[in-house]
Amino acid sequence: MSGARMFPRKLRPGDTVRVVAPARSRAFVLEHDHRSVIAERFAALGLRLTYGEHVDERDDFDSSSITSRVADLHAAWADPEVAAILTVIGGFNSNELLSYLDWSLIGDNPKVFCGFSDITALQNAILAMTGLVTYSGPHWSSFGMRDHFEQSLAWFTEAVFSDDPMELRPAKIWTDDLWFLDQDHRSLLANEGWWPLREGAAEGRIVGGNLCTLNLLQGTPFMPALDGALLLVEDDEASHVVDFARDLASVLQVPDAAAISGLVIGRFQQASGMTRPLLEQIIERQPVLAAVPVLANVDFGHTNPLMTLPIGGRATIVVGKASELTITAH
């Protein structure tokens, strides 16, 4: 396990971004083709998109072989022209790749690496094995959202183009709709704000992402240390209340989780059935959380807008009537 953290160079106009599919294939995503919107977005950022050789391969799992996925990741990290690596979308099987990755190649060529959901397995393993800070944020496919993407885009550019601290506040509206099926009829929801479940202040390096995916790393060399970590977790609509409760209990039973500095929980999708009273009961049952600040309903996870957060970067939270989340560049 790497002790020192590394930060990739931030992006600037003219940089090349390589798109890879370590989980689901781009062919799966292109059943609803929003490439024209995506192209316009990256052109406006001044970034050039290139694609892994195997991104459109598709097998019975809507993914591709381990060999193909590893080859595209290695090619992206080895290419000196590539400044950033962006995942097509999430899925279910990124953890299959961990035993095959060349950690020296990744550690010797630090680049911006961004995605979320199933990509959590790669991000936290990269942190554990190399110390490289990666970014939990939009996929390549996320940039195809034609409307109401402005806040996600602002958070992304702030995180990967600037070294300035990010002072994050709740978005005014959020969405939990199947935007990729129908871009013309969107459902906007008023944001009631973040939920301060345990008051206090904390600082720590960010570990986490998608909770059930993070838990796949337990007991492996790919699980990052939780001692002193500010743990950030979220899950999608498939994780109902009881699933989230036991998954949270599981990660908090990892021996060094007793020394986490705080917990930040992303916004739940409506289909999960989670409510603030239910979540308060879940938090109350966890002795590890009795003396640390807990902030929930934060703008990351499987709803939009979506924050871009550095896995391995440092963050400070102040949880109270006017809660704050600040991300520092180093």
C-alpha atoms as a PDB file:
ATOM      1  CA  MET A   1       0.000   0.000   0.000  1.00  0.00           C
ATOM      2  CA  SER A   2       1.274   3.442  -0.936  1.00  0.00           C
ATOM      3  CA  GLY A   3       1.736   5.905   1.908  1.00  0.00           C
ATOM      4  CA  ALA A   4       2.275   9.133  -0.045  1.00  0.00           C
ATOM      5  CA  ARG A   5      -0.431  10.762  -2.148  1.00  0.00           C
ATOM      6  CA  MET A   6       0.123  12.049  -5.670  1.00  0.00           C
ATOM      7  CA  PHE A   7      -1.992  14.601  -7.486  1.00  0.00           C
ATOM      8  CA  PRO A   8      -2.263  14.551 -11.264  1.00  0.00           C
ATOM      9  CA  ARG A   9      -1.601  17.715 -13.227  1.00  0.00           C
ATOM     10  CA  LYS A  10      -4.798  19.701 -13.624  1.00  0.00           C
ATOM     11  CA  LEU A  11      -6.266  19.995 -17.104  1.00  0.00           C
ATOM     12  CA  ARG A  12      -5.915  22.921 -19.474  1.00  0.00           C
ATOM     13  CA  PRO A  13      -7.398  23.675 -22.905  1.00  0.00           C
ATOM     14  CA  GLY A  14      -5.763  21.601 -25.618  1.00  0.00           C
ATOM     15  CA  ASP A  15      -5.421  18.475 -23.463  1.00  0.00           C
ATOM     16  CA  THR A  16      -6.426  15.042 -24.691  1.00  0.00           C
ATOM     17  CA  VAL A  17      -8.965  12.917 -22.804  1.00  0.00           C
ATOM     18  CA  ARG A  18      -9.063   9.149 -23.367  1.00  0.00           C
ATOM     19  CA  VAL A  19     -12.452   7.483 -22.919  1.00  0.00           C
ATOM     20  CA  VAL A  20     -12.377   3.892 -21.639  1.00  0.00           C
ATOM     21  CA  ALA A  21     -14.994   1.307 -20.638  1.00  0.00           C
ATOM     22  CA  PRO A  22     -13.768  -0.604 -17.570  1.00  0.00           C
ATOM     23  CA  ALA A  23     -17.334  -1.671 -16.771  1.00  0.00           C
ATOM     24  CA  ARG A  24     -20.182  -1.422 -19.285  1.00  0.00           C
ATOM     25  CA  SER A  25     -19.480  -1.025 -22.981  1.00  0.00           C
ATOM     26  CA  ARG A  26     -20.017   2.151 -24.958  1.00  0.00           C
ATOM     27  CA  ALA A  27     -22.191   0.043 -27.277  1.00  0.00           C
ATOM     28  CA  PHE A  28     -24.624  -0.314 -24.361  1.00  0.00           C
ATOM     29  CA  VAL A  29     -24.700   3.460 -23.853  1.00  0.00           C
ATOM     30  CA  LEU A  30     -25.132   4.211 -27.560  1.00  0.00           C
ATOM     31  CA  GLU A  31     -28.558   2.573 -27.541  1.00  0.00           C
ATOM     32  CA  HIS A  32     -29.460   6.156 -26.600  1.00  0.00           C
ATOM     33  CA  ASP A  33     -26.970   8.194 -28.599  1.00  0.00           C
ATOM     34  CA  HIS A  34     -26.103  11.647 -27.241  1.00  0.00           C
ATOM     35  CA  ARG A  35     -22.652  11.946 -28.805  1.00  0.00           C
ATOM     36  CA  SER A  36     -23.423  15.296 -30.425  1.00  0.00           C
ATOM     37  CA  VAL A  37     -24.144  16.908 -27.030  1.00  0.00           C
ATOM     38  CA  ILE A  38     -21.029  15.305 -25.555  1.00  0.00           C
ATOM     39  CA  ALA A  39     -18.848  16.538 -28.405  1.00  0.00           C
ATOM     40  CA  GLU A  40     -20.113  20.107 -28.000  1.00  0.00           C
ATOM     41  CA  ARG A  41     -19.441  20.052 -24.265  1.00  0.00           C
ATOM     42  CA  PHE A  42     -15.837  18.922 -24.578  1.00  0.00           C
ATOM     43  CA  ALA A  43     -15.164  21.250 -27.483  1.00  0.00           C
ATOM     44  CA  ALA A  44     -16.333  24.128 -25.288  1.00  0.00           C
ATOM     45  CA  LEU A  45     -13.878  22.995 -22.599  1.00  0.00           C
ATOM     46  CA  GLY A  46     -11.096  22.913 -25.175  1.00  0.00           C
ATOM     47  CA  LEU A  47     -10.523  19.188 -24.647  1.00  0.00           C
ATOM     48  CA  ARG A  48      -9.904  16.601 -27.356  1.00  0.00           C
ATOM     49  CA  LEU A  49     -11.640  13.244 -26.983  1.00  0.00           C
ATOM     50  CA  THR A  50     -10.052   9.962 -28.021  1.00  0.00           C
ATOM     51  CA  TYR A  51     -11.353   6.449 -27.396  1.00  0.00           C
ATOM     52  CA  GLY A  52      -9.927   3.163 -26.227  1.00  0.00           C
ATOM     53  CA  GLU A  53      -9.594   0.488 -28.887  1.00  0.00           C
ATOM     54  CA  HIS A  54     -12.090  -1.812 -27.160  1.00  0.00           C
ATOM     55  CA  VAL A  55     -14.768   0.605 -25.868  1.00  0.00           C
ATOM     56  CA  ASP A  56     -17.456  -0.765 -28.199  1.00  0.00           C
ATOM     57  CA  GLU A  57     -16.877  -4.464 -27.559  1.00  0.00           C
ATOM     58  CA  ARG A  58     -19.943  -5.980 -25.901  1.00  0.00           C
ATOM     59  CA  ASP A  59     -20.449  -9.393 -24.345  1.00  0.00           C
ATOM     60  CA  ASP A  60     -23.283 -11.146 -22.515  1.00  0.00           C
ATOM     61  CA  PHE A  61     -22.682  -8.884 -19.496  1.00  0.00           C
ATOM     62  CA  ASP A  62     -22.875  -5.647 -21.554  1.00  0.00           C
ATOM     63  CA  SER A  63     -19.141  -5.340 -20.905  1.00  0.00           C
ATOM     64  CA  SER A  64     -16.030  -6.821 -22.559  1.00  0.00           C
ATOM     65  CA  SER A  65     -13.259  -9.222 -21.654  1.00  0.00           C
ATOM     66  CA  ILE A  66     -10.839  -8.520 -18.837  1.00  0.00           C
ATOM     67  CA  THR A  67      -8.033  -8.523 -21.392  1.00  0.00           C
ATOM     68  CA  SER A  68      -9.720  -5.797 -23.480  1.00  0.00           C
ATOM     69  CA  ARG A  69     -10.571  -3.584 -20.546  1.00  0.00           C
ATOM     70  CA  VAL A  70      -7.120  -3.839 -18.988  1.00  0.00           C
ATOM     71  CA  ALA A  71      -5.482  -3.172 -22.358  1.00  0.00           C
ATOM     72  CA  ASP A  72      -7.425   0.086 -22.785  1.00  0.00           C
ATOM     73  CA  LEU A  73      -6.593   1.251 -19.260  1.00  0.00           C
ATOM     74  CA  HIS A  74      -2.899   0.457 -19.697  1.00  0.00           C
ATOM     75  CA  ALA A  75      -2.802   2.146 -23.118  1.00  0.00           C
ATOM     76  CA  ALA A  76      -4.376   5.286 -21.660  1.00  0.00           C
ATOM     77  CA  TRP A  77      -1.904   5.497 -18.793  1.00  0.00           C
ATOM     78  CA  ALA A  78       1.055   4.749 -21.044  1.00  0.00           C
ATOM     79  CA  ASP A  79       0.210   7.354 -23.694  1.00  0.00           C
ATOM     80  CA  PRO A  80       2.104  10.604 -22.961  1.00  0.00           C
ATOM     81  CA  GLU A  81      -0.437  12.556 -25.029  1.00  0.00           C
ATOM     82  CA  VAL A  82      -3.292  11.589 -22.685  1.00  0.00           C
ATOM     83  CA  ALA A  83      -3.830  13.995 -19.769  1.00  0.00           C
ATOM     84  CA  ALA A  84      -7.096  12.551 -18.463  1.00  0.00           C
ATOM     85  CA  ILE A  85      -8.996   9.271 -18.527  1.00  0.00           C
ATOM     86  CA  LEU A  86     -12.788   9.289 -18.429  1.00  0.00           C
ATOM     87  CA  THR A  87     -15.019   6.248 -18.011  1.00  0.00           C
ATOM     88  CA  VAL A  88     -17.928   5.621 -20.390  1.00  0.00           C
ATOM     89  CA  ILE A  89     -20.336   4.603 -17.633  1.00  0.00           C
ATOM     90  CA  GLY A  90     -20.462   2.388 -14.555  1.00  0.00           C
ATOM     91  CA  GLY A  91     -21.733  -1.169 -14.312  1.00  0.00           C
ATOM     92  CA  PHE A  92     -20.933  -4.154 -12.126  1.00  0.00           C
ATOM     93  CA  ASN A  93     -17.495  -5.613 -12.783  1.00  0.00           C
ATOM     94  CA  SER A  94     -14.638  -3.106 -12.537  1.00  0.00           C
ATOM     95  CA  ASN A  95     -13.256  -5.043  -9.565  1.00  0.00           C
ATOM     96  CA  GLU A  96     -12.482  -7.955 -11.918  1.00  0.00           C
ATOM     97  CA  LEU A  97      -9.589  -5.908 -13.285  1.00  0.00           C
ATOM     98  CA  LEU A  98      -7.704  -5.247 -10.054  1.00  0.00           C
ATOM     99  CA  SER A  99      -5.473  -8.330 -10.086  1.00  0.00           C
ATOM    100  CA  TYR A 100      -4.351  -7.582 -13.660  1.00  0.00           C
ATOM    101  CA  LEU A 101      -3.472  -3.888 -13.507  1.00  0.00           C
ATOM    102  CA  ASP A 102       0.098  -2.616 -13.710  1.00  0.00           C
ATOM    103  CA  TRP A 103       0.223  -0.440 -10.610  1.00  0.00           C
ATOM    104  CA  SER A 104       3.710   0.820 -11.385  1.00  0.00           C
ATOM    105  CA  LEU A 105       2.536   2.078 -14.771  1.00  0.00           C
ATOM    106  CA  ILE A 106      -0.361   3.927 -13.137  1.00  0.00           C
ATOM    107  CA  GLY A 107       1.750   5.349 -10.332  1.00  0.00           C
ATOM    108  CA  ASP A 108       4.522   6.465 -12.657  1.00  0.00           C
ATOM    109  CA  ASN A 109       2.121   8.306 -14.988  1.00  0.00           C
ATOM    110  CA  PRO A 110      -0.320  10.283 -12.829  1.00  0.00           C
ATOM    111  CA  LYS A 111      -3.332  11.486 -14.816  1.00  0.00           C
ATOM    112  CA  VAL A 112      -6.818  12.741 -14.041  1.00  0.00           C
ATOM    113  CA  PHE A 113      -9.099   9.707 -13.822  1.00  0.00           C
ATOM    114  CA  CYS A 114     -12.843  10.360 -13.449  1.00  0.00           C
ATOM    115  CA  GLY A 115     -16.048   8.341 -13.140  1.00  0.00           C
ATOM    116  CA  PHE A 116     -18.365   7.109 -10.413  1.00  0.00           C
ATOM    117  CA  SER A 117     -20.591   4.215  -9.302  1.00  0.00           C
ATOM    118  CA  ASP A 118     -18.844   0.907 -10.148  1.00  0.00           C
ATOM    119  CA  ILE A 119     -15.670   2.872 -10.926  1.00  0.00           C
ATOM    120  CA  THR A 120     -15.338   3.264  -7.130  1.00  0.00           C
ATOM    121  CA  ALA A 121     -13.490  -0.069  -7.098  1.00  0.00           C
ATOM    122  CA  LEU A 122     -10.777   1.259  -9.408  1.00  0.00           C
ATOM    123  CA  GLN A 123     -10.503   4.644  -7.716  1.00  0.00           C
ATOM    124  CA  ASN A 124     -10.020   3.334  -4.197  1.00  0.00           C
ATOM    125  CA  ALA A 125      -7.685   0.569  -5.371  1.00  0.00           C
ATOM    126  CA  ILE A 126      -5.574   3.153  -7.218  1.00  0.00           C
ATOM    127  CA  LEU A 127      -5.376   5.175  -4.014  1.00  0.00           C
ATOM    128  CA  ALA A 128      -4.399   2.124  -1.967  1.00  0.00           C
ATOM    129  CA  MET A 129      -1.840   0.775  -4.428  1.00  0.00           C
ATOM    130  CA  THR A 130      -0.254   3.960  -5.768  1.00  0.00           C
ATOM    131  CA  GLY A 131      -1.378   6.954  -3.692  1.00  0.00           C
ATOM    132  CA  LEU A 132      -2.736   8.638  -6.836  1.00  0.00           C
ATOM    133  CA  VAL A 133      -5.712  10.926  -6.262  1.00  0.00           C
ATOM    134  CA  THR A 134      -8.585  10.258  -8.686  1.00  0.00           C
ATOM    135  CA  TYR A 135     -11.962  11.940  -9.162  1.00  0.00           C
ATOM    136  CA  SER A 136     -15.427  10.656  -8.371  1.00  0.00           C
ATOM    137  CA  GLY A 137     -17.488  12.592 -10.871  1.00  0.00           C
ATOM    138  CA  PRO A 138     -19.319  12.462 -14.207  1.00  0.00           C
ATOM    139  CA  HIS A 139     -18.811   9.709 -16.744  1.00  0.00           C
ATOM    140  CA  TRP A 140     -18.316  10.449 -20.447  1.00  0.00           C
ATOM    141  CA  SER A 141     -21.980   9.536 -20.915  1.00  0.00           C
ATOM    142  CA  SER A 142     -23.057  12.036 -18.228  1.00  0.00           C
ATOM    143  CA  PHE A 143     -21.982  14.893 -20.504  1.00  0.00           C
ATOM    144  CA  GLY A 144     -24.790  13.902 -22.875  1.00  0.00           C
ATOM    145  CA  MET A 145     -27.380  15.470 -20.544  1.00  0.00           C
ATOM    146  CA  ARG A 146     -28.581  18.367 -22.679  1.00  0.00           C
ATOM    147  CA  ASP A 147     -30.396  20.389 -20.012  1.00  0.00           C
ATOM    148  CA  HIS A 148     -29.820  20.992 -16.293  1.00  0.00           C
ATOM    149  CA  PHE A 149     -26.185  19.869 -16.451  1.00  0.00           C
ATOM    150  CA  GLU A 150     -24.735  23.296 -15.686  1.00  0.00           C
ATOM    151  CA  GLN A 151     -24.029  22.701 -12.001  1.00  0.00           C
ATOM    152  CA  SER A 152     -22.417  19.302 -12.581  1.00  0.00           C
ATOM    153  CA  LEU A 153     -20.264  20.852 -15.300  1.00  0.00           C
ATOM    154  CA  ALA A 154     -19.240  23.738 -13.031  1.00  0.00           C
ATOM    155  CA  TRP A 155     -18.202  21.348 -10.256  1.00  0.00           C
ATOM    156  CA  PHE A 156     -16.284  19.175 -12.743  1.00  0.00           C
ATOM    157  CA  THR A 157     -14.329  22.064 -14.231  1.00  0.00           C
ATOM    158  CA  GLU A 158     -13.589  23.500 -10.792  1.00  0.00           C
ATOM    159  CA  ALA A 159     -12.209  20.156  -9.622  1.00  0.00           C
ATOM    160  CA  VAL A 160     -10.075  19.159 -12.616  1.00  0.00           C
ATOM    161  CA  PHE A 161      -8.961  22.544 -14.024  1.00  0.00           C
ATOM    162  CA  SER A 162      -8.186  24.490 -10.854  1.00  0.00           C
ATOM    163  CA  ASP A 163      -5.950  24.075  -7.804  1.00  0.00           C
ATOM    164  CA  ASP A 164      -8.102  26.423  -5.734  1.00  0.00           C
ATOM    165  CA  PRO A 165     -10.064  24.996  -2.781  1.00  0.00           C
ATOM    166  CA  MET A 166     -13.648  24.078  -3.631  1.00  0.00           C
ATOM    167  CA  GLU A 167     -16.247  25.478  -1.248  1.00  0.00           C
ATOM    168  CA  LEU A 168     -19.331  23.408  -1.970  1.00  0.00           C
ATOM    169  CA  ARG A 169     -22.939  24.302  -1.193  1.00  0.00           C
ATOM    170  CA  PRO A 170     -26.252  22.561  -1.922  1.00  0.00           C
ATOM    171  CA  ALA A 171     -27.636  22.845  -5.436  1.00  0.00           C
ATOM    172  CA  LYS A 172     -30.984  24.625  -5.776  1.00  0.00           C
ATOM    173  CA  ILE A 173     -32.657  21.865  -7.785  1.00  0.00           C
ATOM    174  CA  TRP A 174     -32.025  18.191  -8.475  1.00  0.00           C
ATOM    175  CA  THR A 175     -33.272  15.497 -10.816  1.00  0.00           C
ATOM    176  CA  ASP A 176     -33.851  11.766 -10.564  1.00  0.00           C
ATOM    177  CA  ASP A 177     -35.266  11.071 -13.994  1.00  0.00           C
ATOM    178  CA  LEU A 178     -34.278   8.864 -16.936  1.00  0.00           C
ATOM    179  CA  TRP A 179     -32.966  11.854 -18.853  1.00  0.00           C
ATOM    180  CA  PHE A 180     -31.197   9.706 -21.452  1.00  0.00           C
ATOM    181  CA  LEU A 181     -34.551   8.291 -22.602  1.00  0.00           C
ATOM    182  CA  ASP A 182     -36.290  11.638 -23.006  1.00  0.00           C
ATOM    183  CA  GLN A 183     -34.330  14.901 -23.072  1.00  0.00           C
ATOM    184  CA  ASP A 184     -37.452  17.002 -23.699  1.00  0.00           C
ATOM    185  CA  HIS A 185     -39.470  16.140 -20.606  1.00  0.00           C
ATOM    186  CA  ARG A 186     -37.468  16.491 -17.388  1.00  0.00           C
ATOM    187  CA  SER A 187     -38.657  16.471 -13.796  1.00  0.00           C
ATOM    188  CA  LEU A 188     -37.053  19.129 -11.569  1.00  0.00           C
ATOM    189  CA  LEU A 189     -37.170  18.792  -7.782  1.00  0.00           C
ATOM    190  CA  ALA A 190     -36.540  21.511  -5.206  1.00  0.00           C
ATOM    191  CA  ASN A 191     -33.528  20.743  -3.010  1.00  0.00           C
ATOM    192  CA  GLU A 192     -34.388  20.846   0.694  1.00  0.00           C
ATOM    193  CA  GLY A 193     -30.682  21.132   1.444  1.00  0.00           C
ATOM    194  CA  TRP A 194     -28.161  18.901   3.157  1.00  0.00           C
ATOM    195  CA  TRP A 195     -29.146  17.010   6.312  1.00  0.00           C
ATOM    196  CA  PRO A 196     -26.986  17.645   9.405  1.00  0.00           C
ATOM    197  CA  LEU A 197     -27.370  14.325  11.249  1.00  0.00           C
ATOM    198  CA  ARG A 198     -24.453  14.711  13.687  1.00  0.00           C
ATOM    199  CA  GLU A 199     -23.095  18.183  14.348  1.00  0.00           C
ATOM    200  CA  GLY A 200     -19.386  18.943  14.524  1.00  0.00           C
ATOM    201  CA  ALA A 201     -16.357  19.621  12.357  1.00  0.00           C
ATOM    202  CA  ALA A 202     -13.828  17.257  10.809  1.00  0.00           C
ATOM    203  CA  GLU A 203     -10.997  17.078   8.310  1.00  0.00           C
ATOM    204  CA  GLY A 204      -9.586  14.067   6.520  1.00  0.00           C
ATOM    205  CA  ARG A 205      -8.583  12.486   3.242  1.00  0.00           C
ATOM    206  CA  ILE A 206     -11.558  11.417   1.158  1.00  0.00           C
ATOM    207  CA  VAL A 207     -12.173   7.682   0.830  1.00  0.00           C
ATOM    208  CA  GLY A 208     -15.253   6.101  -0.655  1.00  0.00           C
ATOM    209  CA  GLY A 209     -17.801   6.562  -3.395  1.00  0.00           C
ATOM    210  CA  ASN A 210     -20.409   3.918  -4.141  1.00  0.00           C
ATOM    211  CA  LEU A 211     -20.893   2.038  -0.870  1.00  0.00           C
ATOM    212  CA  CYS A 212     -21.687  -1.465  -2.078  1.00  0.00           C
ATOM    213  CA  THR A 213     -18.780  -1.275  -4.538  1.00  0.00           C
ATOM    214  CA  LEU A 214     -16.358  -0.009  -1.890  1.00  0.00           C
ATOM    215  CA  ASN A 215     -17.325  -2.978   0.275  1.00  0.00           C
ATOM    216  CA  LEU A 216     -16.117  -5.353  -2.458  1.00  0.00           C
ATOM    217  CA  LEU A 217     -12.572  -4.286  -1.552  1.00  0.00           C
ATOM    218  CA  GLN A 218     -12.760  -5.384   2.081  1.00  0.00           C
ATOM    219  CA  GLY A 219     -10.145  -7.989   2.955  1.00  0.00           C
ATOM    220  CA  THR A 220      -8.128  -7.316  -0.218  1.00  0.00           C
ATOM    221  CA  PRO A 221      -4.893  -5.363  -0.759  1.00  0.00           C
ATOM    222  CA  PHE A 222      -6.991  -2.864  -2.715  1.00  0.00           C
ATOM    223  CA  MET A 223      -8.891  -1.427   0.273  1.00  0.00           C
ATOM    224  CA  PRO A 224      -7.523   1.986   1.265  1.00  0.00           C
ATOM    225  CA  ALA A 225      -6.901   2.821   4.912  1.00  0.00           C
ATOM    226  CA  LEU A 226      -9.870   4.322   6.734  1.00  0.00           C
ATOM    227  CA  ASP A 227      -7.877   5.577   9.704  1.00  0.00           C
ATOM    228  CA  GLY A 228      -8.326   9.360   9.683  1.00  0.00           C
ATOM    229  CA  ALA A 229     -10.461   9.263   6.541  1.00  0.00           C
ATOM    230  CA  LEU A 230     -13.473  11.390   5.800  1.00  0.00           C
ATOM    231  CA  LEU A 231     -15.720   8.626   4.496  1.00  0.00           C
ATOM    232  CA  LEU A 232     -18.034   9.539   1.600  1.00  0.00           C
ATOM    233  CA  VAL A 233     -20.663   7.002   0.547  1.00  0.00           C
ATOM    234  CA  GLU A 234     -23.708   6.796  -1.700  1.00  0.00           C
ATOM    235  CA  ASP A 235     -25.786   4.151  -3.428  1.00  0.00           C
ATOM    236  CA  ASP A 236     -28.322   3.822  -6.220  1.00  0.00           C
ATOM    237  CA  GLU A 237     -31.992   2.880  -6.418  1.00  0.00           C
ATOM    238  CA  ALA A 238     -31.212  -0.842  -6.172  1.00  0.00           C
ATOM    239  CA  SER A 239     -29.948  -0.277  -2.629  1.00  0.00           C
ATOM    240  CA  HIS A 240     -33.094  -0.067  -0.538  1.00  0.00           C
ATOM    241  CA  VAL A 241     -33.146   1.009   3.087  1.00  0.00           C
ATOM    242  CA  VAL A 242     -32.203  -2.376   4.560  1.00  0.00           C
ATOM    243  CA  ASP A 243     -29.432  -2.859   1.994  1.00  0.00           C
ATOM    244  CA  PHE A 244     -27.873   0.507   2.746  1.00  0.00           C
ATOM    245  CA  ALA A 245     -28.114  -0.118   6.494  1.00  0.00           C
ATOM    246  CA  ARG A 246     -26.213  -3.387   6.389  1.00  0.00           C
ATOM    247  CA  ASP A 247     -23.697  -2.153   3.816  1.00  0.00           C
ATOM    248  CA  LEU A 248     -22.926   0.851   6.027  1.00  0.00           C
ATOM    249  CA  ALA A 249     -22.609  -1.391   9.083  1.00  0.00           C
ATOM    250  CA  SER A 250     -20.200  -3.589   7.122  1.00  0.00           C
ATOM    251  CA  VAL A 251     -17.758  -0.844   6.161  1.00  0.00           C
ATOM    252  CA  LEU A 252     -17.876   0.622   9.660  1.00  0.00           C
ATOM    253  CA  GLN A 253     -16.856  -2.791  11.044  1.00  0.00           C
ATOM    254  CA  VAL A 254     -13.541  -2.676   9.179  1.00  0.00           C
ATOM    255  CA  PRO A 255     -11.055  -2.390  12.072  1.00  0.00           C
ATOM    256  CA  ASP A 256      -9.574   0.996  11.173  1.00  0.00           C
ATOM    257  CA  ALA A 257     -13.008   2.512  10.475  1.00  0.00           C
ATOM    258  CA  ALA A 258     -13.197   3.228  14.196  1.00  0.00           C
ATOM    259  CA  ALA A 259     -10.866   6.153  13.481  1.00  0.00           C
ATOM    260  CA  ILE A 260     -12.756   7.849  10.632  1.00  0.00           C
ATOM    261  CA  SER A 261     -13.017  11.616  11.106  1.00  0.00           C
ATOM    262  CA  GLY A 262     -16.540  11.966   9.715  1.00  0.00           C
ATOM    263  CA  LEU A 263     -19.166  10.620   7.327  1.00  0.00           C
ATOM    264  CA  VAL A 264     -20.769  12.291   4.291  1.00  0.00           C
ATOM    265  CA  ILE A 265     -23.689  10.531   2.592  1.00  0.00           C
ATOM    266  CA  GLY A 266     -24.847  11.311  -0.935  1.00  0.00           C
ATOM    267  CA  ARG A 267     -28.427  11.913  -2.017  1.00  0.00           C
ATOM    268  CA  PHE A 268     -30.596   8.810  -2.358  1.00  0.00           C
ATOM    269  CA  GLN A 269     -32.664   8.041  -5.409  1.00  0.00           C
ATOM    270  CA  GLN A 270     -36.378   8.115  -4.745  1.00  0.00           C
ATOM    271  CA  ALA A 271     -36.852   4.435  -5.566  1.00  0.00           C
ATOM    272  CA  SER A 272     -34.548   3.465  -2.691  1.00  0.00           C
ATOM    273  CA  GLY A 273     -37.277   4.364  -0.203  1.00  0.00           C
ATOM    274  CA  MET A 274     -34.832   6.193   2.054  1.00  0.00           C
ATOM    275  CA  THR A 275     -36.149   9.067   4.181  1.00  0.00           C
ATOM    276  CA  ARG A 276     -34.422  11.314   6.679  1.00  0.00           C
ATOM    277  CA  PRO A 277     -36.098   9.645   9.709  1.00  0.00           C
ATOM    278  CA  LEU A 278     -35.058   6.200   8.470  1.00  0.00           C
ATOM    279  CA  LEU A 279     -31.498   7.351   7.843  1.00  0.00           C
ATOM    280  CA  GLU A 280     -31.346   8.921  11.305  1.00  0.00           C
ATOM    281  CA  GLN A 281     -32.252   5.537  12.793  1.00  0.00           C
ATOM    282  CA  ILE A 282     -29.551   3.828  10.739  1.00  0.00           C
ATOM    283  CA  ILE A 283     -26.937   6.331  11.913  1.00  0.00           C
ATOM    284  CA  GLU A 284     -28.091   5.985  15.538  1.00  0.00           C
ATOM    285  CA  ARG A 285     -27.336   2.250  15.455  1.00  0.00           C
ATOM    286  CA  GLN A 286     -23.662   2.727  14.564  1.00  0.00           C
ATOM    287  CA  PRO A 287     -21.378   3.268  17.597  1.00  0.00           C
ATOM    288  CA  VAL A 288     -18.523   4.453  15.345  1.00  0.00           C
ATOM    289  CA  LEU A 289     -20.657   7.464  14.384  1.00  0.00           C
ATOM    290  CA  ALA A 290     -21.564   8.557  17.912  1.00  0.00           C
ATOM    291  CA  ALA A 291     -18.770  11.128  18.163  1.00  0.00           C
ATOM    292  CA  VAL A 292     -18.135  12.172  14.539  1.00  0.00           C
ATOM    293  CA  PRO A 293     -20.004  14.652  12.317  1.00  0.00           C
ATOM    294  CA  VAL A 294     -22.425  13.141   9.810  1.00  0.00           C
ATOM    295  CA  LEU A 295     -23.789  15.074   6.835  1.00  0.00           C
ATOM    296  CA  ALA A 296     -26.314  13.547   4.417  1.00  0.00           C
ATOM    297  CA  ASN A 297     -28.387  14.322   1.301  1.00  0.00           C
ATOM    298  CA  VAL A 298     -25.273  15.830  -0.285  1.00  0.00           C
ATOM    299  CA  ASP A 299     -25.112  16.387  -4.056  1.00  0.00           C
ATOM    300  CA  PHE A 300     -23.245  13.285  -5.178  1.00  0.00           C
ATOM    301  CA  GLY A 301     -24.343   9.790  -6.125  1.00  0.00           C
ATOM    302  CA  HIS A 302     -26.871   8.633  -8.709  1.00  0.00           C
ATOM    303  CA  THR A 303     -28.957  11.806  -8.875  1.00  0.00           C
ATOM    304  CA  ASN A 304     -28.061  15.074 -10.563  1.00  0.00           C
ATOM    305  CA  PRO A 305     -26.366  17.499 -10.216  1.00  0.00           C
ATOM    306  CA  LEU A 306     -23.258  15.530  -9.367  1.00  0.00           C
ATOM    307  CA  MET A 307     -20.224  16.850  -7.512  1.00  0.00           C
ATOM    308  CA  THR A 308     -16.704  15.961  -8.625  1.00  0.00           C
ATOM    309  CA  LEU A 309     -14.751  14.869  -5.531  1.00  0.00           C
ATOM    310  CA  PRO A 310     -11.060  13.904  -5.270  1.00  0.00           C
ATOM    311  CA  ILE A 311     -10.674  10.387  -3.874  1.00  0.00           C
ATOM    312  CA  GLY A 312      -7.576  10.768  -1.716  1.00  0.00           C
ATOM    313  CA  GLY A 313      -7.830  14.558  -1.588  1.00  0.00           C
ATOM    314  CA  ARG A 314      -8.507  16.370   1.656  1.00  0.00           C
ATOM    315  CA  ALA A 315     -11.843  17.766   2.763  1.00  0.00           C
ATOM    316  CA  THR A 316     -13.233  19.662   5.705  1.00  0.00           C
ATOM    317  CA  ILE A 317     -16.833  19.483   6.883  1.00  0.00           C
ATOM    318  CA  VAL A 318     -18.658  21.695   9.300  1.00  0.00           C
ATOM    319  CA  VAL A 319     -22.020  20.178  10.187  1.00  0.00           C
ATOM    320  CA  GLY A 320     -24.629  22.410  11.770  1.00  0.00           C
ATOM    321  CA  LYS A 321     -27.446  24.747  10.830  1.00  0.00           C
ATOM    322  CA  ALA A 322     -25.392  26.041   7.873  1.00  0.00           C
ATOM    323  CA  SER A 323     -23.320  23.028   6.914  1.00  0.00           C
ATOM    324  CA  GLU A 324     -20.176  23.380   4.805  1.00  0.00           C
ATOM    325  CA  LEU A 325     -18.063  21.020   2.708  1.00  0.00           C
ATOM    326  CA  THR A 326     -14.693  22.315   1.557  1.00  0.00           C
ATOM    327  CA  ILE A 327     -12.330  20.373  -0.694  1.00  0.00           C
ATOM    328  CA  THR A 328      -8.683  21.361  -0.723  1.00  0.00           C
ATOM    329  CA  ALA A 329      -6.385  20.733  -3.630  1.00  0.00           C
ATOM    330  CA  HIS A 330      -3.636  19.108  -1.569  1.00  0.00           C
END
